[in-house]
Amino acid sequence: MAGELRALAQFIYDLKLETVPEKVTEAARFCVLDTIGSALGAAESPQIHSIGENFEDWCGPGKNGKKAAAWAKGRALGLFSALMVNGCMAHELELDDVHTASKSHPGAVVVTTAWTMADALGADGKTFLEAVIAGYEVLGRVGWSMDVASNRKRGWHTTGIIGTFGAAAAVSKLMGLNVDQMVSAFGMAGTQSSGLWAFLAEGSTCKKLHPARAAMNGTAACILALSGMTGPEHILDAKDGGLYQAVSDTFDMGKLCKDLGKRYVITEIDKKPYPCCRTTHHAIDAALKLRKEEHVKPDEIITILVETYEVGVLQCGFTNYPGNGVEAKFSIPYTCAAAFVKGKVTVAEFSDSSVADPQNRRLTEAGTHKSDPFFTERYPKRWGSRMTVTLKNGEKKVCQIDDMSGSVAVPLSKEQETDKFEGLAQVAFSVDRAKKIEETILKIEKVKELPDLS
């Protein structure tokens, strides 16, 4: 019997840029801009350069294989090598976008996959943008339909679990798969879902593997479907072996197609102003606000208490001082300390020297955190916290953040978004080249081919 996943596939198959509202198209352009900028900002990463070299040595395309640009690397690689490199780049700095309702990073998967595949196929900008909208829609809805809080508590990284579906949707549009093939691709995408939070306990650097692998697995699923392999239509809700039952406490298949064509996921995306886990951003906002508006000085602070949602404490409520920049990006106490000390939170605040800074350490160790039912009950619809700072004179300063900067409720302005892109893109390209890429992305549906990012 046909189910919700097939209905979603039919919607994606029928989706045309001409039929979606202009606000959806504009949102898609800016999501592309945000992801590409976040990736280009990581262009100087030695680890990602090494990944590209090794993957091409072991997994190169052969004489006639499809190739695509490895962003800012000066050359094209085999398709799957390029997906790995670009997917890792997009998530390296922790500046890529967030869909709060599905607790995921859709851009790092969907934009990466769609751009890399469109590059390999020579697709035009309109087809590419349709693929982006399709990918966000499927990824977000697959996440909406399960209990993402329980998914996280079980140790899964949701982006890796649902990202395969978003990648498969994007590639299905680019490859022109029919509905049956798309349903099979979704089934095979789901059976390849993966990604665990164990990296965090050791400060390992493999979190960026999750969106990259989702991009590769979703693409592979489409190639397999085109080759005649079939995947289970009820991959999500099968009683024996269904994905939702395996990774979540509860789910609701009715949400998968609710308001389909009326509510678009891509219009409900947060953009990050700080290069660290989104779960720290509400507390950073509070620290910056207290510093600016209440004139709280770092050397006056005795204690910092952050009350937030349960998942936030699980994910970013560390008691030990971070041992490296990766751990620091997932530490509410550290990011708050950096905000108070520097009055900003940028890539520099996660350098070795910043982590070693004694003032950052003192304030981090002055920080405590706990879950609060008020914030837990609102999660994941709203991500917020309450900060209480005790000063040496005994005074207490309190700041509650209900909606973070960069959220749908408190969005970045277009100028902030373009400034973010230009600042990051200039790590890889000249000022003029960065601005030309930006101009092209903001009219991407009108171009015959995507700009060369190699």
Protein backbone atom coordinates (compact mmCIF):
# COMPACT_ATOMS: atom_id res chain seq x y z
CA MET A 1 0.00 0.00 0.00
CA ALA A 2 1.31 3.41 -0.95
CA GLY A 3 2.35 5.49 2.01
CA GLU A 4 3.56 8.89 3.09
CA LEU A 5 7.09 8.51 1.77
CA ARG A 6 5.77 7.83 -1.73
CA ALA A 7 3.50 10.88 -1.49
CA LEU A 8 6.53 12.96 -0.52
CA ALA A 9 8.46 11.52 -3.47
CA GLN A 10 5.63 12.45 -5.82
CA PHE A 11 5.67 16.02 -4.50
CA ILE A 12 9.42 16.25 -5.05
CA TYR A 13 9.11 14.78 -8.53
CA ASP A 14 6.50 17.42 -9.46
CA LEU A 15 8.34 20.33 -7.81
CA LYS A 16 9.23 23.12 -10.23
CA LEU A 17 10.79 26.47 -9.46
CA GLU A 18 7.95 28.23 -11.27
CA THR A 19 5.40 26.79 -8.86
CA VAL A 20 7.03 27.72 -5.53
CA PRO A 21 6.57 31.14 -3.89
CA GLU A 22 9.31 33.71 -4.45
CA LYS A 23 10.12 33.69 -0.72
CA VAL A 24 11.07 30.02 -1.09
CA THR A 25 13.36 30.75 -4.02
CA GLU A 26 15.00 33.63 -2.18
CA ALA A 27 15.47 31.54 0.94
CA ALA A 28 17.12 28.86 -1.19
CA ARG A 29 19.57 31.35 -2.70
CA PHE A 30 20.66 32.53 0.74
CA CYS A 31 20.95 28.96 2.06
CA VAL A 32 23.29 28.22 -0.83
CA LEU A 33 25.27 31.38 -0.07
CA ASP A 34 25.56 30.44 3.61
CA THR A 35 26.75 26.90 2.95
CA ILE A 36 29.27 27.80 0.26
CA GLY A 37 30.66 30.57 2.46
CA SER A 38 30.94 28.26 5.45
CA ALA A 39 32.83 25.75 3.30
CA LEU A 40 35.19 28.25 1.69
CA GLY A 41 36.11 29.57 5.12
CA ALA A 42 37.66 26.15 5.81
CA ALA A 43 39.76 26.19 2.63
CA GLU A 44 43.08 26.25 4.52
CA SER A 45 42.36 23.17 6.64
CA PRO A 46 45.35 20.78 6.29
CA GLN A 47 43.18 17.84 7.30
CA ILE A 48 40.66 18.43 4.52
CA HIS A 49 43.48 18.82 1.99
CA SER A 50 44.84 15.47 3.13
CA ILE A 51 41.38 13.88 2.85
CA GLY A 52 41.12 15.03 -0.76
CA GLU A 53 44.56 13.71 -1.66
CA ASN A 54 43.99 10.32 -0.07
CA PHE A 55 40.46 9.80 -1.33
CA GLU A 56 41.51 10.60 -4.89
CA ASP A 57 44.43 8.17 -4.63
CA TRP A 58 42.20 5.35 -3.40
CA CYS A 59 38.84 6.22 -4.96
CA GLY A 60 39.62 8.19 -8.11
CA PRO A 61 37.10 8.10 -10.96
CA GLY A 62 39.14 6.18 -13.49
CA LYS A 63 39.46 7.19 -17.12
CA ASN A 64 35.82 8.06 -17.85
CA GLY A 65 34.35 8.67 -14.42
CA LYS A 66 32.37 11.75 -13.41
CA LYS A 67 34.36 14.58 -11.86
CA ALA A 68 33.44 17.65 -9.83
CA ALA A 69 35.36 20.54 -8.29
CA ALA A 70 36.83 20.08 -4.85
CA TRP A 71 36.10 23.55 -3.52
CA ALA A 72 39.13 25.85 -3.34
CA LYS A 73 41.49 22.94 -4.06
CA GLY A 74 42.45 23.98 -7.58
CA ARG A 75 41.19 20.88 -9.36
CA ALA A 76 38.37 18.47 -9.99
CA LEU A 77 38.19 15.11 -8.24
CA GLY A 78 36.16 11.98 -8.77
CA LEU A 79 32.52 12.54 -7.78
CA PHE A 80 32.65 10.71 -4.48
CA SER A 81 36.01 12.18 -3.51
CA ALA A 82 34.58 15.65 -4.21
CA LEU A 83 31.48 14.89 -2.13
CA MET A 84 33.68 13.84 0.78
CA VAL A 85 35.92 16.92 0.58
CA ASN A 86 33.11 19.43 0.06
CA GLY A 87 30.89 17.85 2.70
CA CYS A 88 33.66 17.99 5.29
CA MET A 89 34.50 21.59 4.35
CA ALA A 90 30.89 22.70 4.77
CA HIS A 91 30.79 21.48 8.38
CA GLU A 92 34.39 22.10 9.45
CA LEU A 93 33.93 25.54 11.02
CA GLU A 94 30.53 24.83 12.63
CA LEU A 95 29.15 27.89 10.79
CA ASP A 96 26.70 26.08 8.53
CA ASP A 97 22.94 26.46 8.86
CA VAL A 98 20.54 24.71 11.25
CA HIS A 99 16.94 23.50 11.04
CA THR A 100 15.84 23.53 14.66
CA ALA A 101 12.67 21.45 14.20
CA SER A 102 14.72 18.51 12.90
CA LYS A 103 17.87 19.34 14.93
CA SER A 104 19.99 19.11 11.81
CA HIS A 105 22.42 20.89 9.51
CA PRO A 106 20.69 20.63 6.13
CA GLY A 107 22.94 22.92 4.09
CA ALA A 108 26.12 20.94 4.72
CA VAL A 109 24.40 17.91 3.21
CA VAL A 110 21.95 19.25 0.65
CA VAL A 111 23.82 22.20 -0.84
CA THR A 112 27.05 20.20 -0.90
CA THR A 113 25.38 17.28 -2.66
CA ALA A 114 23.36 19.35 -5.10
CA TRP A 115 26.27 21.62 -6.09
CA THR A 116 28.79 18.80 -6.46
CA MET A 117 26.40 16.63 -8.48
CA ALA A 118 25.22 19.56 -10.62
CA ASP A 119 28.87 20.33 -11.31
CA ALA A 120 29.54 16.73 -12.38
CA LEU A 121 26.44 16.68 -14.62
CA GLY A 122 26.85 20.20 -16.02
CA ALA A 123 23.35 21.10 -14.78
CA ASP A 124 22.03 24.65 -14.97
CA GLY A 125 21.27 26.89 -12.01
CA LYS A 126 17.51 26.43 -12.13
CA THR A 127 17.74 22.65 -11.91
CA PHE A 128 20.30 22.99 -9.15
CA LEU A 129 18.05 25.29 -7.09
CA GLU A 130 15.09 22.93 -7.50
CA ALA A 131 17.32 20.16 -6.15
CA VAL A 132 18.28 22.30 -3.16
CA ILE A 133 14.64 23.07 -2.28
CA ALA A 134 13.75 19.39 -2.68
CA GLY A 135 16.62 18.27 -0.48
CA TYR A 136 15.78 20.65 2.36
CA GLU A 137 12.12 19.64 2.18
CA VAL A 138 12.74 15.92 2.46
CA LEU A 139 15.52 16.14 5.06
CA GLY A 140 13.49 18.49 7.27
CA ARG A 141 10.27 16.51 7.04
CA VAL A 142 11.95 13.20 7.80
CA GLY A 143 13.33 14.88 10.92
CA TRP A 144 10.05 16.59 11.84
CA SER A 145 8.30 13.26 11.93
CA MET A 146 10.37 11.72 14.69
CA ASP A 147 11.24 12.72 18.24
CA VAL A 148 14.62 14.34 17.62
CA ALA A 149 15.26 14.90 21.33
CA SER A 150 15.11 11.16 21.99
CA ASN A 151 17.21 10.56 18.87
CA ARG A 152 19.94 12.76 20.37
CA LYS A 153 19.64 11.16 23.81
CA ARG A 154 20.29 7.79 22.20
CA GLY A 155 23.60 9.14 20.91
CA TRP A 156 22.71 9.68 17.26
CA HIS A 157 23.81 12.74 15.28
CA THR A 158 20.55 13.60 13.57
CA THR A 159 22.20 15.22 10.53
CA GLY A 160 23.76 11.90 9.60
CA ILE A 161 20.54 9.99 10.21
CA ILE A 162 18.22 12.14 8.07
CA GLY A 163 20.81 13.73 5.80
CA THR A 164 20.91 10.72 3.50
CA PHE A 165 17.27 11.41 2.56
CA GLY A 166 17.97 15.05 1.74
CA ALA A 167 20.92 14.10 -0.42
CA ALA A 168 18.89 11.44 -2.22
CA ALA A 169 16.08 13.93 -2.92
CA ALA A 170 18.51 16.48 -4.38
CA VAL A 171 20.27 13.94 -6.60
CA SER A 172 16.95 12.41 -7.68
CA LYS A 173 15.94 15.80 -9.09
CA LEU A 174 19.28 16.29 -10.83
CA MET A 175 19.34 12.80 -12.30
CA GLY A 176 15.67 12.89 -13.32
CA LEU A 177 14.64 9.74 -11.44
CA ASN A 178 10.98 8.75 -11.66
CA VAL A 179 8.84 8.32 -8.56
CA ASP A 180 9.46 4.59 -8.19
CA GLN A 181 13.19 5.09 -8.48
CA MET A 182 13.06 7.97 -6.00
CA VAL A 183 11.16 5.86 -3.46
CA SER A 184 13.79 3.14 -3.80
CA ALA A 185 16.54 5.74 -3.43
CA PHE A 186 14.92 6.93 -0.19
CA GLY A 187 14.76 3.34 1.04
CA MET A 188 18.43 2.78 0.30
CA ALA A 189 19.35 6.18 1.76
CA GLY A 190 17.66 5.26 5.02
CA THR A 191 19.37 1.91 5.30
CA GLN A 192 22.70 3.77 5.08
CA SER A 193 21.87 6.38 7.74
CA SER A 194 24.64 6.79 10.32
CA GLY A 195 26.40 9.21 12.65
CA LEU A 196 27.14 9.04 16.38
CA TRP A 197 28.10 11.58 19.07
CA ALA A 198 30.94 9.53 20.53
CA PHE A 199 33.42 11.91 18.88
CA LEU A 200 32.68 14.57 21.47
CA ALA A 201 33.93 12.75 24.56
CA GLU A 202 37.42 12.63 23.04
CA GLY A 203 37.46 15.85 21.02
CA SER A 204 37.75 13.82 17.81
CA THR A 205 37.49 15.66 14.50
CA CYS A 206 35.11 13.30 12.69
CA LYS A 207 31.79 15.12 13.20
CA LYS A 208 32.20 16.64 9.73
CA LEU A 209 32.26 13.10 8.31
CA HIS A 210 28.52 12.78 9.02
CA PRO A 211 27.20 15.30 6.47
CA ALA A 212 29.88 14.23 3.99
CA ARG A 213 28.94 10.57 4.31
CA ALA A 214 25.24 11.46 4.09
CA ALA A 215 26.00 13.23 0.80
CA MET A 216 27.87 10.22 -0.53
CA ASN A 217 25.33 7.66 0.68
CA GLY A 218 22.33 9.58 -0.69
CA THR A 219 24.09 9.93 -4.03
CA ALA A 220 24.99 6.23 -4.08
CA ALA A 221 21.36 5.38 -3.32
CA CYS A 222 20.25 7.24 -6.46
CA ILE A 223 22.88 5.58 -8.64
CA LEU A 224 21.80 2.19 -7.31
CA ALA A 225 18.14 2.99 -7.97
CA LEU A 226 19.04 4.03 -11.52
CA SER A 227 20.83 0.68 -11.83
CA GLY A 228 17.70 -1.26 -10.90
CA MET A 229 18.29 -1.94 -7.20
CA THR A 230 15.17 -1.42 -5.10
CA GLY A 231 14.85 -0.04 -1.59
CA PRO A 232 12.03 -0.43 0.97
CA GLU A 233 9.21 2.11 0.68
CA HIS A 234 8.51 1.68 4.39
CA ILE A 235 12.10 2.27 5.46
CA LEU A 236 10.86 4.77 8.06
CA ASP A 237 7.94 2.94 9.64
CA ALA A 238 8.46 -0.80 9.02
CA LYS A 239 7.62 -2.76 12.17
CA ASP A 240 10.74 -4.86 11.76
CA GLY A 241 13.78 -2.74 10.91
CA GLY A 242 12.13 0.62 10.33
CA LEU A 243 14.48 3.55 10.85
CA TYR A 244 12.25 5.54 13.20
CA GLN A 245 11.77 2.67 15.60
CA ALA A 246 15.52 2.05 15.61
CA VAL A 247 16.63 5.62 16.33
CA SER A 248 13.74 7.37 18.12
CA ASP A 249 11.33 6.78 20.99
CA THR A 250 8.30 8.03 19.06
CA PHE A 251 7.35 9.16 15.56
CA ASP A 252 4.35 10.44 13.63
CA MET A 253 4.16 9.55 9.93
CA GLY A 254 1.32 12.05 9.51
CA LYS A 255 3.83 14.89 9.80
CA LEU A 256 5.78 13.73 6.76
CA CYS A 257 3.33 15.35 4.33
CA LYS A 258 1.48 17.79 6.58
CA ASP A 259 0.99 21.17 4.86
CA LEU A 260 3.05 19.93 1.92
CA GLY A 261 3.32 22.72 -0.64
CA LYS A 262 2.12 25.29 1.90
CA ARG A 263 4.94 25.16 4.44
CA TYR A 264 8.49 24.90 3.08
CA VAL A 265 11.36 23.77 5.27
CA ILE A 266 13.85 26.05 3.54
CA THR A 267 12.03 29.14 4.84
CA GLU A 268 12.54 27.97 8.44
CA ILE A 269 16.33 27.79 8.61
CA ASP A 270 18.62 29.37 11.21
CA LYS A 271 21.91 30.96 10.12
CA LYS A 272 24.82 30.84 12.56
CA PRO A 273 26.56 34.03 13.67
CA TYR A 274 29.12 32.10 15.78
CA PRO A 275 31.41 29.20 14.67
CA CYS A 276 30.39 26.66 17.31
CA CYS A 277 27.56 24.30 18.22
CA ARG A 278 24.17 25.98 17.84
CA THR A 279 23.26 24.78 21.32
CA THR A 280 25.76 27.28 22.77
CA HIS A 281 24.43 30.30 20.86
CA HIS A 282 21.63 31.34 23.20
CA ALA A 283 24.12 31.48 26.08
CA ILE A 284 26.62 33.43 23.93
CA ASP A 285 23.86 35.91 23.09
CA ALA A 286 23.15 36.33 26.80
CA ALA A 287 26.81 36.87 27.67
CA LEU A 288 27.30 39.44 24.91
CA LYS A 289 24.12 41.24 25.94
CA LEU A 290 25.16 41.41 29.60
CA ARG A 291 28.61 42.60 28.61
CA LYS A 292 27.28 45.35 26.36
CA GLU A 293 24.09 46.49 28.06
CA GLU A 294 24.87 45.77 31.73
CA HIS A 295 28.60 46.51 31.39
CA VAL A 296 29.57 43.23 33.02
CA LYS A 297 33.36 42.94 33.05
CA PRO A 298 35.14 39.56 33.06
CA ASP A 299 37.24 40.29 36.13
CA GLU A 300 34.09 41.17 38.14
CA ILE A 301 32.45 37.78 37.59
CA ILE A 302 32.37 35.17 40.35
CA THR A 303 29.95 32.61 38.89
CA ILE A 304 27.94 32.06 35.70
CA LEU A 305 24.85 29.85 35.78
CA VAL A 306 23.14 28.80 32.53
CA GLU A 307 19.74 27.10 32.72
CA THR A 308 18.63 25.53 29.46
CA TYR A 309 16.95 22.50 27.86
CA GLU A 310 17.90 18.96 28.80
CA VAL A 311 19.49 18.10 25.44
CA GLY A 312 21.58 21.27 25.68
CA VAL A 313 23.08 20.12 28.99
CA LEU A 314 23.71 16.65 27.57
CA GLN A 315 25.38 18.00 24.46
CA CYS A 316 27.26 21.10 25.63
CA GLY A 317 27.23 21.06 29.41
CA PHE A 318 30.75 19.88 30.10
CA THR A 319 32.30 20.05 33.55
CA ASN A 320 35.91 19.57 32.40
CA TYR A 321 37.86 22.35 30.74
CA PRO A 322 38.10 21.73 26.96
CA GLY A 323 41.30 20.12 25.79
CA ASN A 324 41.17 21.53 22.28
CA GLY A 325 39.15 23.72 19.91
CA VAL A 326 36.73 20.94 18.99
CA GLU A 327 35.71 20.43 22.61
CA ALA A 328 35.55 24.20 23.14
CA LYS A 329 33.00 24.56 20.33
CA PHE A 330 30.66 22.26 22.28
CA SER A 331 31.14 23.83 25.71
CA ILE A 332 28.54 26.28 27.02
CA PRO A 333 30.90 27.42 29.83
CA TYR A 334 33.80 28.03 27.45
CA THR A 335 31.84 29.87 24.77
CA CYS A 336 30.26 32.10 27.42
CA ALA A 337 33.69 32.82 28.89
CA ALA A 338 35.08 33.73 25.47
CA ALA A 339 32.12 36.04 24.85
CA PHE A 340 32.69 37.87 28.14
CA VAL A 341 36.46 38.11 27.65
CA LYS A 342 36.60 39.15 23.99
CA GLY A 343 33.16 40.62 23.38
CA LYS A 344 32.84 38.39 20.32
CA VAL A 345 32.96 34.73 19.35
CA THR A 346 34.83 34.09 16.10
CA VAL A 347 37.06 31.36 14.69
CA ALA A 348 39.96 32.88 16.62
CA GLU A 349 38.30 32.11 19.96
CA PHE A 350 38.76 28.38 19.27
CA SER A 351 42.47 28.52 18.51
CA ASP A 352 45.00 26.75 20.73
CA SER A 353 46.10 30.07 22.20
CA SER A 354 42.55 31.04 23.16
CA VAL A 355 41.88 27.67 24.77
CA ALA A 356 45.11 28.15 26.73
CA ASP A 357 44.18 31.69 27.83
CA PRO A 358 44.04 31.80 31.66
CA GLN A 359 41.18 34.31 31.72
CA ASN A 360 39.07 32.05 29.49
CA ARG A 361 39.90 29.16 31.78
CA ARG A 362 38.99 31.01 34.98
CA LEU A 363 35.59 32.09 33.65
CA THR A 364 34.90 28.67 32.14
CA GLU A 365 35.56 27.03 35.48
CA ALA A 366 33.29 29.62 37.12
CA GLY A 367 30.44 28.38 34.92
CA THR A 368 27.74 25.90 35.86
CA HIS A 369 24.65 24.74 34.00
CA LYS A 370 21.51 22.76 34.56
CA SER A 371 18.39 21.78 32.72
CA ASP A 372 15.16 23.69 33.30
CA PRO A 373 11.71 22.23 32.51
CA PHE A 374 10.63 25.57 31.02
CA PHE A 375 13.23 25.37 28.25
CA THR A 376 13.06 21.57 27.92
CA GLU A 377 9.33 21.58 27.24
CA ARG A 378 9.72 24.13 24.43
CA TYR A 379 12.55 22.24 22.75
CA PRO A 380 13.05 21.70 19.78
CA LYS A 381 10.54 24.36 18.69
CA ARG A 382 12.48 27.03 20.57
CA TRP A 383 16.08 26.86 21.76
CA GLY A 384 16.76 29.17 24.70
CA SER A 385 18.36 29.66 28.11
CA ARG A 386 18.57 31.90 31.16
CA MET A 387 21.92 33.21 32.39
CA THR A 388 22.56 34.41 35.95
CA VAL A 389 25.91 36.08 36.62
CA THR A 390 27.05 36.75 40.18
CA LEU A 391 29.52 39.62 40.57
CA LYS A 392 32.17 40.25 43.22
CA ASN A 393 30.00 42.94 44.83
CA GLY A 394 27.21 40.38 45.33
CA GLU A 395 25.04 41.78 42.56
CA LYS A 396 23.31 39.34 40.20
CA LYS A 397 22.69 40.02 36.52
CA VAL A 398 20.09 37.92 34.69
CA CYS A 399 19.46 37.58 30.95
CA GLN A 400 16.98 35.22 29.29
CA ILE A 401 17.24 34.43 25.58
CA ASP A 402 14.11 32.90 24.07
CA ASP A 403 15.16 33.12 20.41
CA MET A 404 18.79 33.14 19.33
CA SER A 405 20.36 35.58 16.93
CA GLY A 406 20.23 34.14 13.43
CA SER A 407 17.02 32.24 14.15
CA VAL A 408 13.84 32.55 12.12
CA ALA A 409 12.47 34.79 14.89
CA VAL A 410 15.62 36.95 14.99
CA PRO A 411 17.08 36.55 11.50
CA LEU A 412 20.34 37.88 10.18
CA SER A 413 19.78 40.75 7.77
CA LYS A 414 20.68 40.30 4.11
CA GLU A 415 23.66 42.55 4.70
CA GLN A 416 24.81 40.37 7.59
CA GLU A 417 24.46 37.29 5.43
CA THR A 418 26.46 38.75 2.56
CA ASP A 419 29.08 40.10 4.96
CA LYS A 420 29.40 36.63 6.45
CA PHE A 421 29.87 35.10 3.00
CA GLU A 422 32.41 37.66 1.84
CA GLY A 423 34.49 37.35 4.99
CA LEU A 424 34.62 33.56 4.72
CA ALA A 425 35.04 33.31 0.95
CA GLN A 426 38.08 35.56 1.08
CA VAL A 427 39.96 32.77 2.85
CA ALA A 428 39.90 30.98 -0.51
CA PHE A 429 39.50 33.71 -3.15
CA SER A 430 40.30 37.35 -3.83
CA VAL A 431 37.80 40.03 -2.79
CA ASP A 432 36.68 40.51 -6.40
CA ARG A 433 36.30 36.79 -7.03
CA ALA A 434 34.33 36.33 -3.80
CA LYS A 435 31.93 39.11 -4.73
CA LYS A 436 31.42 37.71 -8.24
CA ILE A 437 30.58 34.28 -6.78
CA GLU A 438 28.16 35.96 -4.37
CA GLU A 439 26.46 37.86 -7.21
CA THR A 440 26.10 34.65 -9.21
CA ILE A 441 24.66 32.67 -6.30
CA LEU A 442 22.05 35.36 -5.65
CA LYS A 443 20.77 34.90 -9.22
CA ILE A 444 21.73 31.24 -9.51
CA GLU A 445 18.50 30.11 -11.19
CA LYS A 446 19.35 32.27 -14.20
CA VAL A 447 22.78 30.84 -15.00
CA LYS A 448 23.50 28.06 -17.46
CA GLU A 449 26.26 26.56 -15.33
CA LEU A 450 27.45 26.92 -11.76
CA PRO A 451 30.53 29.04 -11.10
CA ASP A 452 33.81 27.17 -10.80
CA LEU A 453 34.76 26.91 -7.13
CA SER A 454 37.92 24.86 -7.66
